[in-house]
């Protein structure tokens, strides 16, 4: 619980995104919750390769269901220029935030 909201920590809830089917399963686990925190270790390498569409699918589905997501990526630059740009775009707005630490994620959910 963060500020009275039920926020799932993906690893604690057994949520990992390794394929597009995992996105739907994650949505199901998050329904009725105040949001979810995903770490970079909860995500497959395909997620960070934007050409695969996995990141786009996750973003779109969570936005459609209006479920806030904080994705903790301590070093976005390690995943390439395109992913780093995406991280900058989603660092301060919207339902999907890319943050650098768990502390930053919990601060966002506390706002």
PDB file of N, CA and C in Angstrom:
ATOM      1  N   UNK A   1       0.844  -1.192   0.000  1.00  0.00           N
ATOM      2  CA  UNK A   1       0.000   0.000   0.000  1.00  0.00           C
ATOM      3  C   UNK A   1       0.885   1.251   0.000  1.00  0.00           C
ATOM      4  N   UNK A   2       0.551   2.146  -0.874  1.00  0.00           N
ATOM      5  CA  UNK A   2       1.241   3.424  -0.947  1.00  0.00           C
ATOM      6  C   UNK A   2       0.172   4.491  -0.882  1.00  0.00           C
ATOM      7  N   UNK A   3       0.242   5.302   0.175  1.00  0.00           N
ATOM      8  CA  UNK A   3      -0.745   6.361   0.362  1.00  0.00           C
ATOM      9  C   UNK A   3      -2.174   5.833   0.235  1.00  0.00           C
ATOM     10  N   UNK A   4      -2.445   4.676   0.826  1.00  0.00           N
ATOM     11  CA  UNK A   4      -3.780   4.114   0.814  1.00  0.00           C
ATOM     12  C   UNK A   4      -4.184   3.433  -0.478  1.00  0.00           C
ATOM     13  N   UNK A   5      -3.292   3.349  -1.445  1.00  0.00           N
ATOM     14  CA  UNK A   5      -3.580   2.698  -2.731  1.00  0.00           C
ATOM     15  C   UNK A   5      -2.887   1.346  -2.772  1.00  0.00           C
ATOM     16  N   UNK A   6      -3.584   0.360  -3.294  1.00  0.00           N
ATOM     17  CA  UNK A   6      -2.984  -0.964  -3.469  1.00  0.00           C
ATOM     18  C   UNK A   6      -2.141  -0.963  -4.732  1.00  0.00           C
ATOM     19  N   UNK A   7      -0.843  -0.979  -4.534  1.00  0.00           N
ATOM     20  CA  UNK A   7       0.096  -0.978  -5.648  1.00  0.00           C
ATOM     21  C   UNK A   7       0.818  -2.319  -5.644  1.00  0.00           C
ATOM     22  N   UNK A   8       0.755  -3.019  -6.762  1.00  0.00           N
ATOM     23  CA  UNK A   8       1.436  -4.302  -6.877  1.00  0.00           C
ATOM     24  C   UNK A   8       2.900  -4.095  -7.220  1.00  0.00           C
ATOM     25  N   UNK A   9       3.746  -4.870  -6.578  1.00  0.00           N
ATOM     26  CA  UNK A   9       5.138  -4.978  -6.991  1.00  0.00           C
ATOM     27  C   UNK A   9       5.168  -6.244  -7.843  1.00  0.00           C
ATOM     28  N   UNK A  10       5.495  -6.105  -9.106  1.00  0.00           N
ATOM     29  CA  UNK A  10       5.370  -7.213 -10.053  1.00  0.00           C
ATOM     30  C   UNK A  10       6.060  -8.483  -9.574  1.00  0.00           C
ATOM     31  N   UNK A  11       7.290  -8.378  -9.126  1.00  0.00           N
ATOM     32  CA  UNK A  11       8.033  -9.574  -8.706  1.00  0.00           C
ATOM     33  C   UNK A  11       7.344 -10.267  -7.534  1.00  0.00           C
ATOM     34  N   UNK A  12       6.799  -9.495  -6.604  1.00  0.00           N
ATOM     35  CA  UNK A  12       6.109 -10.075  -5.440  1.00  0.00           C
ATOM     36  C   UNK A  12       4.808 -10.764  -5.846  1.00  0.00           C
ATOM     37  N   UNK A  13       4.189 -10.290  -6.919  1.00  0.00           N
ATOM     38  CA  UNK A  13       2.912 -10.843  -7.382  1.00  0.00           C
ATOM     39  C   UNK A  13       3.101 -11.912  -8.461  1.00  0.00           C
ATOM     40  N   UNK A  14       4.353 -12.234  -8.778  1.00  0.00           N
ATOM     41  CA  UNK A  14       4.615 -13.241  -9.806  1.00  0.00           C
ATOM     42  C   UNK A  14       4.365 -12.764 -11.222  1.00  0.00           C
ATOM     43  N   UNK A  15       4.430 -11.457 -11.428  1.00  0.00           N
ATOM     44  CA  UNK A  15       4.206 -10.884 -12.757  1.00  0.00           C
ATOM     45  C   UNK A  15       5.548 -10.674 -13.449  1.00  0.00           C
ATOM     46  N   UNK A  16       5.657 -11.210 -14.652  1.00  0.00           N
ATOM     47  CA  UNK A  16       6.828 -10.983 -15.497  1.00  0.00           C
ATOM     48  C   UNK A  16       6.316 -10.852 -16.933  1.00  0.00           C
ATOM     49  N   UNK A  17       6.922  -9.988 -17.681  1.00  0.00           N
ATOM     50  CA  UNK A  17       6.521  -9.763 -19.068  1.00  0.00           C
ATOM     51  C   UNK A  17       7.616 -10.350 -19.969  1.00  0.00           C
ATOM     52  N   UNK A  18       7.339 -11.528 -20.477  1.00  0.00           N
ATOM     53  CA  UNK A  18       8.286 -12.215 -21.366  1.00  0.00           C
ATOM     54  C   UNK A  18       7.731 -12.327 -22.787  1.00  0.00           C
ATOM     55  N   UNK A  19       6.393 -12.185 -22.925  1.00  0.00           N
ATOM     56  CA  UNK A  19       5.739 -12.286 -24.233  1.00  0.00           C
ATOM     57  C   UNK A  19       4.457 -11.474 -24.197  1.00  0.00           C
ATOM     58  N   UNK A  20       3.803 -11.343 -25.347  1.00  0.00           N
ATOM     59  CA  UNK A  20       2.569 -10.554 -25.404  1.00  0.00           C
ATOM     60  C   UNK A  20       1.464 -11.180 -24.547  1.00  0.00           C
ATOM     61  N   UNK A  21       1.439 -12.506 -24.419  1.00  0.00           N
ATOM     62  CA  UNK A  21       0.447 -13.149 -23.562  1.00  0.00           C
ATOM     63  C   UNK A  21       0.587 -12.752 -22.104  1.00  0.00           C
ATOM     64  N   UNK A  22       1.816 -12.457 -21.696  1.00  0.00           N
ATOM     65  CA  UNK A  22       2.051 -12.037 -20.316  1.00  0.00           C
ATOM     66  C   UNK A  22       1.440 -10.671 -20.026  1.00  0.00           C
ATOM     67  N   UNK A  23       1.304  -9.838 -21.058  1.00  0.00           N
ATOM     68  CA  UNK A  23       0.715  -8.508 -20.860  1.00  0.00           C
ATOM     69  C   UNK A  23      -0.736  -8.654 -20.423  1.00  0.00           C
ATOM     70  N   UNK A  24      -1.488  -9.511 -21.098  1.00  0.00           N
ATOM     71  CA  UNK A  24      -2.891  -9.733 -20.726  1.00  0.00           C
ATOM     72  C   UNK A  24      -3.004 -10.318 -19.326  1.00  0.00           C
ATOM     73  N   UNK A  25      -2.121 -11.251 -18.986  1.00  0.00           N
ATOM     74  CA  UNK A  25      -2.128 -11.828 -17.641  1.00  0.00           C
ATOM     75  C   UNK A  25      -1.830 -10.769 -16.583  1.00  0.00           C
ATOM     76  N   UNK A  26      -0.918  -9.871 -16.889  1.00  0.00           N
ATOM     77  CA  UNK A  26      -0.584  -8.790 -15.958  1.00  0.00           C
ATOM     78  C   UNK A  26      -1.772  -7.853 -15.765  1.00  0.00           C
ATOM     79  N   UNK A  27      -2.476  -7.548 -16.855  1.00  0.00           N
ATOM     80  CA  UNK A  27      -3.674  -6.704 -16.751  1.00  0.00           C
ATOM     81  C   UNK A  27      -4.667  -7.349 -15.791  1.00  0.00           C
ATOM     82  N   UNK A  28      -4.914  -8.637 -15.964  1.00  0.00           N
ATOM     83  CA  UNK A  28      -5.845  -9.350 -15.092  1.00  0.00           C
ATOM     84  C   UNK A  28      -5.442  -9.271 -13.640  1.00  0.00           C
ATOM     85  N   UNK A  29      -4.151  -9.405 -13.356  1.00  0.00           N
ATOM     86  CA  UNK A  29      -3.665  -9.347 -11.974  1.00  0.00           C
ATOM     87  C   UNK A  29      -3.794  -7.946 -11.388  1.00  0.00           C
ATOM     88  N   UNK A  30      -3.792  -6.930 -12.254  1.00  0.00           N
ATOM     89  CA  UNK A  30      -3.799  -5.539 -11.790  1.00  0.00           C
ATOM     90  C   UNK A  30      -5.194  -4.918 -11.699  1.00  0.00           C
ATOM     91  N   UNK A  31      -6.199  -5.580 -12.241  1.00  0.00           N
ATOM     92  CA  UNK A  31      -7.554  -5.007 -12.184  1.00  0.00           C
ATOM     93  C   UNK A  31      -7.964  -4.799 -10.731  1.00  0.00           C
ATOM     94  N   UNK A  32      -8.480  -3.624 -10.450  1.00  0.00           N
ATOM     95  CA  UNK A  32      -8.894  -3.293  -9.097  1.00  0.00           C
ATOM     96  C   UNK A  32      -7.770  -2.763  -8.222  1.00  0.00           C
ATOM     97  N   UNK A  33      -6.574  -2.709  -8.763  1.00  0.00           N
ATOM     98  CA  UNK A  33      -5.427  -2.189  -8.019  1.00  0.00           C
ATOM     99  C   UNK A  33      -5.192  -0.735  -8.409  1.00  0.00           C
ATOM    100  N   UNK A  34      -4.388  -0.066  -7.609  1.00  0.00           N
ATOM    101  CA  UNK A  34      -4.066   1.327  -7.887  1.00  0.00           C
ATOM    102  C   UNK A  34      -2.902   1.506  -8.831  1.00  0.00           C
ATOM    103  N   UNK A  35      -2.284   0.390  -9.230  1.00  0.00           N
ATOM    104  CA  UNK A  35      -1.159   0.454 -10.154  1.00  0.00           C
ATOM    105  C   UNK A  35      -0.201  -0.693  -9.914  1.00  0.00           C
ATOM    106  N   UNK A  36       0.868  -0.698 -10.694  1.00  0.00           N
ATOM    107  CA  UNK A  36       1.868  -1.762 -10.605  1.00  0.00           C
ATOM    108  C   UNK A  36       3.255  -1.160 -10.827  1.00  0.00           C
ATOM    109  N   UNK A  37       4.219  -1.747 -10.134  1.00  0.00           N
ATOM    110  CA  UNK A  37       5.614  -1.371 -10.319  1.00  0.00           C
ATOM    111  C   UNK A  37       6.334  -2.559 -10.940  1.00  0.00           C
ATOM    112  N   UNK A  38       6.880  -2.333 -12.125  1.00  0.00           N
ATOM    113  CA  UNK A  38       7.672  -3.337 -12.833  1.00  0.00           C
ATOM    114  C   UNK A  38       9.136  -2.920 -12.782  1.00  0.00           C
ATOM    115  N   UNK A  39      10.021  -3.873 -12.516  1.00  0.00           N
ATOM    116  CA  UNK A  39      11.459  -3.601 -12.576  1.00  0.00           C
ATOM    117  C   UNK A  39      11.982  -4.074 -13.927  1.00  0.00           C
ATOM    118  N   UNK A  40      13.129  -3.577 -14.327  1.00  0.00           N
ATOM    119  CA  UNK A  40      13.694  -4.022 -15.601  1.00  0.00           C
ATOM    120  C   UNK A  40      13.935  -5.529 -15.605  1.00  0.00           C
ATOM    121  N   UNK A  41      14.150  -6.117 -14.438  1.00  0.00           N
ATOM    122  CA  UNK A  41      14.347  -7.571 -14.352  1.00  0.00           C
ATOM    123  C   UNK A  41      13.057  -8.356 -14.558  1.00  0.00           C
ATOM    124  N   UNK A  42      11.911  -7.689 -14.488  1.00  0.00           N
ATOM    125  CA  UNK A  42      10.611  -8.334 -14.737  1.00  0.00           C
ATOM    126  C   UNK A  42      10.286  -8.366 -16.232  1.00  0.00           C
ATOM    127  N   UNK A  43      11.140  -7.775 -17.040  1.00  0.00           N
ATOM    128  CA  UNK A  43      10.875  -7.605 -18.461  1.00  0.00           C
ATOM    129  C   UNK A  43      11.899  -8.362 -19.297  1.00  0.00           C
ATOM    130  N   UNK A  44      11.426  -8.945 -20.392  1.00  0.00           N
ATOM    131  CA  UNK A  44      12.322  -9.684 -21.283  1.00  0.00           C
ATOM    132  C   UNK A  44      13.184  -8.718 -22.087  1.00  0.00           C
ATOM    133  N   UNK A  45      14.290  -9.202 -22.638  1.00  0.00           N
ATOM    134  CA  UNK A  45      15.113  -8.345 -23.509  1.00  0.00           C
ATOM    135  C   UNK A  45      14.317  -7.795 -24.698  1.00  0.00           C
ATOM    136  N   UNK A  46      13.313  -8.544 -25.173  1.00  0.00           N
ATOM    137  CA  UNK A  46      12.481  -8.073 -26.285  1.00  0.00           C
ATOM    138  C   UNK A  46      11.724  -6.788 -25.934  1.00  0.00           C
ATOM    139  N   UNK A  47      11.396  -6.600 -24.674  1.00  0.00           N
ATOM    140  CA  UNK A  47      10.704  -5.389 -24.250  1.00  0.00           C
ATOM    141  C   UNK A  47      11.533  -4.149 -24.598  1.00  0.00           C
ATOM    142  N   UNK A  48      12.832  -4.242 -24.404  1.00  0.00           N
ATOM    143  CA  UNK A  48      13.719  -3.094 -24.603  1.00  0.00           C
ATOM    144  C   UNK A  48      14.081  -2.871 -26.069  1.00  0.00           C
ATOM    145  N   UNK A  49      13.810  -3.854 -26.918  1.00  0.00           N
ATOM    146  CA  UNK A  49      14.002  -3.716 -28.363  1.00  0.00           C
ATOM    147  C   UNK A  49      12.657  -3.251 -28.926  1.00  0.00           C
ATOM    148  N   UNK A  50      12.520  -1.968 -29.114  1.00  0.00           N
ATOM    149  CA  UNK A  50      11.220  -1.393 -29.468  1.00  0.00           C
ATOM    150  C   UNK A  50      10.670  -1.910 -30.792  1.00  0.00           C
ATOM    151  N   UNK A  51      11.521  -2.483 -31.636  1.00  0.00           N
ATOM    152  CA  UNK A  51      11.065  -3.035 -32.913  1.00  0.00           C
ATOM    153  C   UNK A  51      10.152  -4.257 -32.725  1.00  0.00           C
ATOM    154  N   UNK A  52      10.229  -4.917 -31.573  1.00  0.00           N
ATOM    155  CA  UNK A  52       9.407  -6.116 -31.355  1.00  0.00           C
ATOM    156  C   UNK A  52       7.950  -5.770 -31.077  1.00  0.00           C
ATOM    157  N   UNK A  53       7.690  -4.551 -30.608  1.00  0.00           N
ATOM    158  CA  UNK A  53       6.319  -4.138 -30.305  1.00  0.00           C
ATOM    159  C   UNK A  53       5.839  -4.525 -28.915  1.00  0.00           C
ATOM    160  N   UNK A  54       6.652  -5.261 -28.145  1.00  0.00           N
ATOM    161  CA  UNK A  54       6.210  -5.695 -26.818  1.00  0.00           C
ATOM    162  C   UNK A  54       5.999  -4.513 -25.872  1.00  0.00           C
ATOM    163  N   UNK A  55       6.907  -3.567 -25.887  1.00  0.00           N
ATOM    164  CA  UNK A  55       6.741  -2.384 -25.026  1.00  0.00           C
ATOM    165  C   UNK A  55       5.496  -1.604 -25.442  1.00  0.00           C
ATOM    166  N   UNK A  56       5.303  -1.427 -26.741  1.00  0.00           N
ATOM    167  CA  UNK A  56       4.130  -0.704 -27.229  1.00  0.00           C
ATOM    168  C   UNK A  56       2.834  -1.385 -26.834  1.00  0.00           C
ATOM    169  N   UNK A  57       2.814  -2.712 -26.904  1.00  0.00           N
ATOM    170  CA  UNK A  57       1.614  -3.452 -26.512  1.00  0.00           C
ATOM    171  C   UNK A  57       1.331  -3.273 -25.023  1.00  0.00           C
ATOM    172  N   UNK A  58       2.380  -3.367 -24.193  1.00  0.00           N
ATOM    173  CA  UNK A  58       2.190  -3.171 -22.755  1.00  0.00           C
ATOM    174  C   UNK A  58       1.658  -1.769 -22.489  1.00  0.00           C
ATOM    175  N   UNK A  59       2.281  -0.768 -23.088  1.00  0.00           N
ATOM    176  CA  UNK A  59       1.848   0.609 -22.877  1.00  0.00           C
ATOM    177  C   UNK A  59       0.383   0.784 -23.283  1.00  0.00           C
ATOM    178  N   UNK A  60       0.038   0.313 -24.467  1.00  0.00           N
ATOM    179  CA  UNK A  60      -1.313   0.508 -24.980  1.00  0.00           C
ATOM    180  C   UNK A  60      -2.359  -0.173 -24.106  1.00  0.00           C
ATOM    181  N   UNK A  61      -2.119  -1.416 -23.721  1.00  0.00           N
ATOM    182  CA  UNK A  61      -3.113  -2.146 -22.925  1.00  0.00           C
ATOM    183  C   UNK A  61      -3.291  -1.536 -21.542  1.00  0.00           C
ATOM    184  N   UNK A  62      -2.188  -1.165 -20.899  1.00  0.00           N
ATOM    185  CA  UNK A  62      -2.322  -0.562 -19.574  1.00  0.00           C
ATOM    186  C   UNK A  62      -3.014   0.799 -19.667  1.00  0.00           C
ATOM    187  N   UNK A  63      -2.749   1.548 -20.735  1.00  0.00           N
ATOM    188  CA  UNK A  63      -3.442   2.826 -20.909  1.00  0.00           C
ATOM    189  C   UNK A  63      -4.924   2.598 -21.183  1.00  0.00           C
ATOM    190  N   UNK A  64      -5.248   1.607 -22.003  1.00  0.00           N
ATOM    191  CA  UNK A  64      -6.655   1.314 -22.283  1.00  0.00           C
ATOM    192  C   UNK A  64      -7.426   0.980 -21.012  1.00  0.00           C
ATOM    193  N   UNK A  65      -6.795   0.243 -20.107  1.00  0.00           N
ATOM    194  CA  UNK A  65      -7.453  -0.135 -18.853  1.00  0.00           C
ATOM    195  C   UNK A  65      -7.238   0.898 -17.754  1.00  0.00           C
ATOM    196  N   UNK A  66      -6.503   1.956 -18.086  1.00  0.00           N
ATOM    197  CA  UNK A  66      -6.236   3.059 -17.158  1.00  0.00           C
ATOM    198  C   UNK A  66      -5.585   2.579 -15.861  1.00  0.00           C
ATOM    199  N   UNK A  67      -4.608   1.696 -16.008  1.00  0.00           N
ATOM    200  CA  UNK A  67      -3.850   1.179 -14.869  1.00  0.00           C
ATOM    201  C   UNK A  67      -2.476   1.847 -14.882  1.00  0.00           C
ATOM    202  N   UNK A  68      -2.166   2.634 -13.854  1.00  0.00           N
ATOM    203  CA  UNK A  68      -0.851   3.277 -13.796  1.00  0.00           C
ATOM    204  C   UNK A  68       0.272   2.240 -13.635  1.00  0.00           C
ATOM    205  N   UNK A  69       1.366   2.489 -14.351  1.00  0.00           N
ATOM    206  CA  UNK A  69       2.517   1.593 -14.316  1.00  0.00           C
ATOM    207  C   UNK A  69       3.778   2.427 -14.116  1.00  0.00           C
ATOM    208  N   UNK A  70       4.574   2.020 -13.142  1.00  0.00           N
ATOM    209  CA  UNK A  70       5.913   2.586 -12.984  1.00  0.00           C
ATOM    210  C   UNK A  70       6.891   1.489 -13.385  1.00  0.00           C
ATOM    211  N   UNK A  71       7.758   1.796 -14.327  1.00  0.00           N
ATOM    212  CA  UNK A  71       8.757   0.846 -14.791  1.00  0.00           C
ATOM    213  C   UNK A  71      10.118   1.354 -14.325  1.00  0.00           C
ATOM    214  N   UNK A  72      10.746   0.577 -13.451  1.00  0.00           N
ATOM    215  CA  UNK A  72      12.021   0.976 -12.860  1.00  0.00           C
ATOM    216  C   UNK A  72      13.167   0.490 -13.749  1.00  0.00           C
ATOM    217  N   UNK A  73      13.839   1.448 -14.357  1.00  0.00           N
ATOM    218  CA  UNK A  73      14.993   1.168 -15.214  1.00  0.00           C
ATOM    219  C   UNK A  73      16.112   2.106 -14.751  1.00  0.00           C
ATOM    220  N   UNK A  74      17.026   1.589 -13.923  1.00  0.00           N
ATOM    221  CA  UNK A  74      18.071   2.467 -13.380  1.00  0.00           C
ATOM    222  C   UNK A  74      18.937   3.144 -14.432  1.00  0.00           C
ATOM    223  N   UNK A  75      19.194   2.471 -15.563  1.00  0.00           N
ATOM    224  CA  UNK A  75      20.051   3.043 -16.601  1.00  0.00           C
ATOM    225  C   UNK A  75      19.421   2.827 -17.978  1.00  0.00           C
ATOM    226  N   UNK A  76      18.486   3.684 -18.366  1.00  0.00           N
ATOM    227  CA  UNK A  76      17.830   3.524 -19.670  1.00  0.00           C
ATOM    228  C   UNK A  76      18.806   3.543 -20.847  1.00  0.00           C
ATOM    229  N   UNK A  77      19.903   4.262 -20.710  1.00  0.00           N
ATOM    230  CA  UNK A  77      20.886   4.345 -21.790  1.00  0.00           C
ATOM    231  C   UNK A  77      21.487   2.975 -22.111  1.00  0.00           C
ATOM    232  N   UNK A  78      21.486   2.066 -21.151  1.00  0.00           N
ATOM    233  CA  UNK A  78      22.053   0.732 -21.361  1.00  0.00           C
ATOM    234  C   UNK A  78      21.259  -0.071 -22.386  1.00  0.00           C
ATOM    235  N   UNK A  79      20.031   0.364 -22.682  1.00  0.00           N
ATOM    236  CA  UNK A  79      19.167  -0.361 -23.614  1.00  0.00           C
ATOM    237  C   UNK A  79      19.099   0.285 -24.992  1.00  0.00           C
ATOM    238  N   UNK A  80      19.956   1.254 -25.233  1.00  0.00           N
ATOM    239  CA  UNK A  80      20.024   1.860 -26.558  1.00  0.00           C
ATOM    240  C   UNK A  80      19.367   3.227 -26.626  1.00  0.00           C
ATOM    241  N   UNK A  81      19.667   3.907 -27.708  1.00  0.00           N
ATOM    242  CA  UNK A  81      19.210   5.286 -27.892  1.00  0.00           C
ATOM    243  C   UNK A  81      17.686   5.399 -27.976  1.00  0.00           C
ATOM    244  N   UNK A  82      17.052   4.514 -28.735  1.00  0.00           N
ATOM    245  CA  UNK A  82      15.591   4.608 -28.891  1.00  0.00           C
ATOM    246  C   UNK A  82      14.886   4.381 -27.556  1.00  0.00           C
ATOM    247  N   UNK A  83      15.340   3.385 -26.786  1.00  0.00           N
ATOM    248  CA  UNK A  83      14.701   3.139 -25.499  1.00  0.00           C
ATOM    249  C   UNK A  83      14.971   4.302 -24.546  1.00  0.00           C
ATOM    250  N   UNK A  84      16.161   4.847 -24.591  1.00  0.00           N
ATOM    251  CA  UNK A  84      16.496   5.990 -23.750  1.00  0.00           C
ATOM    252  C   UNK A  84      15.583   7.176 -24.056  1.00  0.00           C
ATOM    253  N   UNK A  85      15.282   7.400 -25.339  1.00  0.00           N
ATOM    254  CA  UNK A  85      14.351   8.467 -25.728  1.00  0.00           C
ATOM    255  C   UNK A  85      12.955   8.199 -25.161  1.00  0.00           C
ATOM    256  N   UNK A  86      12.516   6.958 -25.269  1.00  0.00           N
ATOM    257  CA  UNK A  86      11.207   6.582 -24.721  1.00  0.00           C
ATOM    258  C   UNK A  86      11.171   6.851 -23.219  1.00  0.00           C
ATOM    259  N   UNK A  87      12.233   6.484 -22.530  1.00  0.00           N
ATOM    260  CA  UNK A  87      12.304   6.696 -21.081  1.00  0.00           C
ATOM    261  C   UNK A  87      12.204   8.178 -20.739  1.00  0.00           C
ATOM    262  N   UNK A  88      12.886   9.017 -21.515  1.00  0.00           N
ATOM    263  CA  UNK A  88      12.799  10.469 -21.267  1.00  0.00           C
ATOM    264  C   UNK A  88      11.373  10.972 -21.487  1.00  0.00           C
ATOM    265  N   UNK A  89      10.722  10.497 -22.555  1.00  0.00           N
ATOM    266  CA  UNK A  89       9.356  10.925 -22.855  1.00  0.00           C
ATOM    267  C   UNK A  89       8.375  10.535 -21.748  1.00  0.00           C
ATOM    268  N   UNK A  90       8.618   9.408 -21.114  1.00  0.00           N
ATOM    269  CA  UNK A  90       7.691   8.901 -20.097  1.00  0.00           C
ATOM    270  C   UNK A  90       8.221   9.065 -18.677  1.00  0.00           C
ATOM    271  N   UNK A  91       9.084  10.033 -18.462  1.00  0.00           N
ATOM    272  CA  UNK A  91       9.647  10.217 -17.129  1.00  0.00           C
ATOM    273  C   UNK A  91       8.856  11.189 -16.268  1.00  0.00           C
ATOM    274  N   UNK A  92       7.889  11.889 -16.874  1.00  0.00           N
ATOM    275  CA  UNK A  92       7.204  12.908 -16.068  1.00  0.00           C
ATOM    276  C   UNK A  92       5.728  13.114 -16.408  1.00  0.00           C
ATOM    277  N   UNK A  93       5.155  12.224 -17.221  1.00  0.00           N
ATOM    278  CA  UNK A  93       3.745  12.440 -17.568  1.00  0.00           C
ATOM    279  C   UNK A  93       3.069  11.120 -17.894  1.00  0.00           C
ATOM    280  N   UNK A  94       1.767  11.141 -17.883  1.00  0.00           N
ATOM    281  CA  UNK A  94       0.997   9.990 -18.328  1.00  0.00           C
ATOM    282  C   UNK A  94       0.823   8.891 -17.288  1.00  0.00           C
ATOM    283  N   UNK A  95       0.120   7.848 -17.711  1.00  0.00           N
ATOM    284  CA  UNK A  95      -0.151   6.693 -16.842  1.00  0.00           C
ATOM    285  C   UNK A  95       1.031   5.747 -16.749  1.00  0.00           C
ATOM    286  N   UNK A  96       1.981   5.898 -17.665  1.00  0.00           N
ATOM    287  CA  UNK A  96       3.148   5.027 -17.686  1.00  0.00           C
ATOM    288  C   UNK A  96       4.366   5.894 -17.414  1.00  0.00           C
ATOM    289  N   UNK A  97       5.066   5.560 -16.346  1.00  0.00           N
ATOM    290  CA  UNK A  97       6.260   6.320 -15.984  1.00  0.00           C
ATOM    291  C   UNK A  97       7.472   5.396 -15.998  1.00  0.00           C
ATOM    292  N   UNK A  98       8.525   5.844 -16.606  1.00  0.00           N
ATOM    293  CA  UNK A  98       9.806   5.157 -16.510  1.00  0.00           C
ATOM    294  C   UNK A  98      10.636   5.941 -15.509  1.00  0.00           C
ATOM    295  N   UNK A  99      11.020   5.267 -14.453  1.00  0.00           N
ATOM    296  CA  UNK A  99      11.733   5.902 -13.353  1.00  0.00           C
ATOM    297  C   UNK A  99      13.038   5.152 -13.114  1.00  0.00           C
ATOM    298  N   UNK A 100      13.918   5.759 -12.352  1.00  0.00           N
ATOM    299  CA  UNK A 100      15.238   5.168 -12.141  1.00  0.00           C
ATOM    300  C   UNK A 100      15.367   4.358 -10.852  1.00  0.00           C
ATOM    301  N   UNK A 101      14.362   4.438  -9.961  1.00  0.00           N
ATOM    302  CA  UNK A 101      14.482   3.704  -8.694  1.00  0.00           C
ATOM    303  C   UNK A 101      13.097   3.370  -8.130  1.00  0.00           C
ATOM    304  N   UNK A 102      13.079   2.405  -7.252  1.00  0.00           N
ATOM    305  CA  UNK A 102      11.832   2.050  -6.566  1.00  0.00           C
ATOM    306  C   UNK A 102      11.335   3.228  -5.749  1.00  0.00           C
ATOM    307  N   UNK A 103      12.236   3.970  -5.149  1.00  0.00           N
ATOM    308  CA  UNK A 103      11.866   5.148  -4.376  1.00  0.00           C
ATOM    309  C   UNK A 103      11.152   6.171  -5.258  1.00  0.00           C
ATOM    310  N   UNK A 104      11.664   6.387  -6.459  1.00  0.00           N
ATOM    311  CA  UNK A 104      11.036   7.320  -7.397  1.00  0.00           C
ATOM    312  C   UNK A 104       9.636   6.821  -7.785  1.00  0.00           C
ATOM    313  N   UNK A 105       9.489   5.510  -7.948  1.00  0.00           N
ATOM    314  CA  UNK A 105       8.179   4.933  -8.293  1.00  0.00           C
ATOM    315  C   UNK A 105       7.189   5.162  -7.163  1.00  0.00           C
ATOM    316  N   UNK A 106       7.595   4.898  -5.933  1.00  0.00           N
ATOM    317  CA  UNK A 106       6.667   5.069  -4.814  1.00  0.00           C
ATOM    318  C   UNK A 106       6.317   6.544  -4.610  1.00  0.00           C
ATOM    319  N   UNK A 107       7.269   7.442  -4.868  1.00  0.00           N
ATOM    320  CA  UNK A 107       6.975   8.879  -4.779  1.00  0.00           C
ATOM    321  C   UNK A 107       5.898   9.263  -5.784  1.00  0.00           C
ATOM    322  N   UNK A 108       6.006   8.732  -7.019  1.00  0.00           N
ATOM    323  CA  UNK A 108       5.017   9.056  -8.038  1.00  0.00           C
ATOM    324  C   UNK A 108       3.629   8.558  -7.631  1.00  0.00           C
ATOM    325  N   UNK A 109       3.542   7.344  -7.120  1.00  0.00           N
ATOM    326  CA  UNK A 109       2.246   6.830  -6.691  1.00  0.00           C
ATOM    327  C   UNK A 109       1.700   7.575  -5.480  1.00  0.00           C
ATOM    328  N   UNK A 110       2.567   8.234  -4.724  1.00  0.00           N
ATOM    329  CA  UNK A 110       2.121   8.984  -3.554  1.00  0.00           C
ATOM    330  C   UNK A 110       1.586  10.370  -3.897  1.00  0.00           C
ATOM    331  N   UNK A 111       1.876  10.837  -5.130  1.00  0.00           N
ATOM    332  CA  UNK A 111       1.436  12.180  -5.540  1.00  0.00           C
ATOM    333  C   UNK A 111      -0.065  12.291  -5.609  1.00  0.00           C
TER     334      UNK A 111
END
